Amino acid sequence: MSTRAPMVLPDGPNQRWSLDFVSATFACSRRFRILCIVDDYTRECLALSGLRIARELTRLIGSRGKPHTVVSDK
């Protein structure tokens, strides 16, 4: 059995990024999916990507540096 520790709140930029996949369906029944990447401290939307998630993350890390933590709800 494990216990959950409370998530530490970031105290500066690049402390923690949140990743969340968002999907929707057009009226014509066509679906799309994007990845939203948000800096949890600045609340800045860093990128939205559907097909090139790895490339976007690599680009973000190259320009901003690696975050200490990345979280996702799924």
Protein backbone atom coordinates (compact mmCIF):
# COMPACT_ATOMS: atom_id res chain seq x y z
CA MET A 1 0.00 0.00 0.00
CA SER A 2 1.29 3.48 -0.82
CA THR A 3 0.37 6.90 0.45
CA ARG A 4 -0.06 9.96 -1.71
CA ALA A 5 2.01 12.99 -0.90
CA PRO A 6 0.49 16.41 -1.54
CA MET A 7 1.68 18.00 -4.78
CA VAL A 8 4.13 20.81 -4.06
CA LEU A 9 3.10 24.15 -5.57
CA PRO A 10 5.65 25.66 -7.96
CA ASP A 11 7.38 28.84 -6.76
CA GLY A 12 8.80 29.92 -10.12
CA PRO A 13 8.67 29.34 -13.88
CA ASN A 14 9.67 25.89 -15.16
CA GLN A 15 9.11 24.29 -11.77
CA ARG A 16 6.23 22.20 -13.13
CA TRP A 17 4.45 21.86 -16.48
CA SER A 18 1.03 20.31 -16.88
CA LEU A 19 0.15 18.29 -19.97
CA ASP A 20 -3.45 17.64 -20.90
CA PHE A 21 -4.90 16.01 -24.00
CA VAL A 22 -8.07 17.73 -25.22
CA SER A 23 -10.36 16.29 -27.88
CA ALA A 24 -13.54 17.38 -29.60
CA THR A 25 -15.72 16.37 -32.51
CA PHE A 26 -16.69 18.59 -35.44
CA ALA A 27 -20.30 18.71 -36.68
CA CYS A 28 -19.23 16.45 -39.58
CA SER A 29 -18.25 13.77 -36.97
CA ARG A 30 -14.52 14.26 -37.57
CA ARG A 31 -12.51 14.19 -34.32
CA PHE A 32 -9.37 16.05 -33.38
CA ARG A 33 -7.03 15.89 -30.42
CA ILE A 34 -4.44 18.36 -29.14
CA LEU A 35 -1.93 18.41 -26.32
CA CYS A 36 -2.01 21.52 -24.12
CA ILE A 37 1.21 22.31 -22.23
CA VAL A 38 0.98 24.90 -19.44
CA ASP A 39 3.60 26.28 -17.04
CA ASP A 40 1.79 25.89 -13.70
CA TYR A 41 3.47 28.94 -12.13
CA THR A 42 3.04 31.50 -14.91
CA ARG A 43 -0.14 29.85 -16.29
CA GLU A 44 1.43 30.43 -19.71
CA CYS A 45 0.26 28.13 -22.47
CA LEU A 46 3.58 26.89 -23.84
CA ALA A 47 2.31 24.88 -26.79
CA LEU A 48 -0.62 23.13 -28.40
CA SER A 49 0.17 20.11 -30.53
CA GLY A 50 -1.71 17.29 -32.16
CA LEU A 51 0.76 15.30 -34.25
CA ARG A 52 4.22 16.41 -33.14
CA ILE A 53 4.20 16.19 -29.36
CA ALA A 54 7.78 14.99 -28.97
CA ARG A 55 9.06 17.72 -31.32
CA GLU A 56 7.17 20.42 -29.38
CA LEU A 57 8.52 19.21 -26.04
CA THR A 58 12.06 19.10 -27.45
CA ARG A 59 11.67 22.64 -28.82
CA LEU A 60 10.28 23.93 -25.51
CA ILE A 61 13.06 22.35 -23.49
CA GLY A 62 15.62 23.77 -25.91
CA SER A 63 14.28 27.31 -25.51
CA ARG A 64 13.20 27.28 -21.85
CA GLY A 65 15.21 24.49 -20.22
CA LYS A 66 13.83 21.35 -18.60
CA PRO A 67 11.06 21.72 -16.03
CA HIS A 68 11.67 20.14 -12.62
CA THR A 69 8.43 18.17 -12.96
CA VAL A 70 5.85 17.39 -15.64
CA VAL A 71 2.33 16.30 -14.65
CA SER A 72 -0.58 14.94 -16.65
CA ASP A 73 -4.07 13.96 -15.57
CA LYS A 74 -4.17 10.82 -17.75
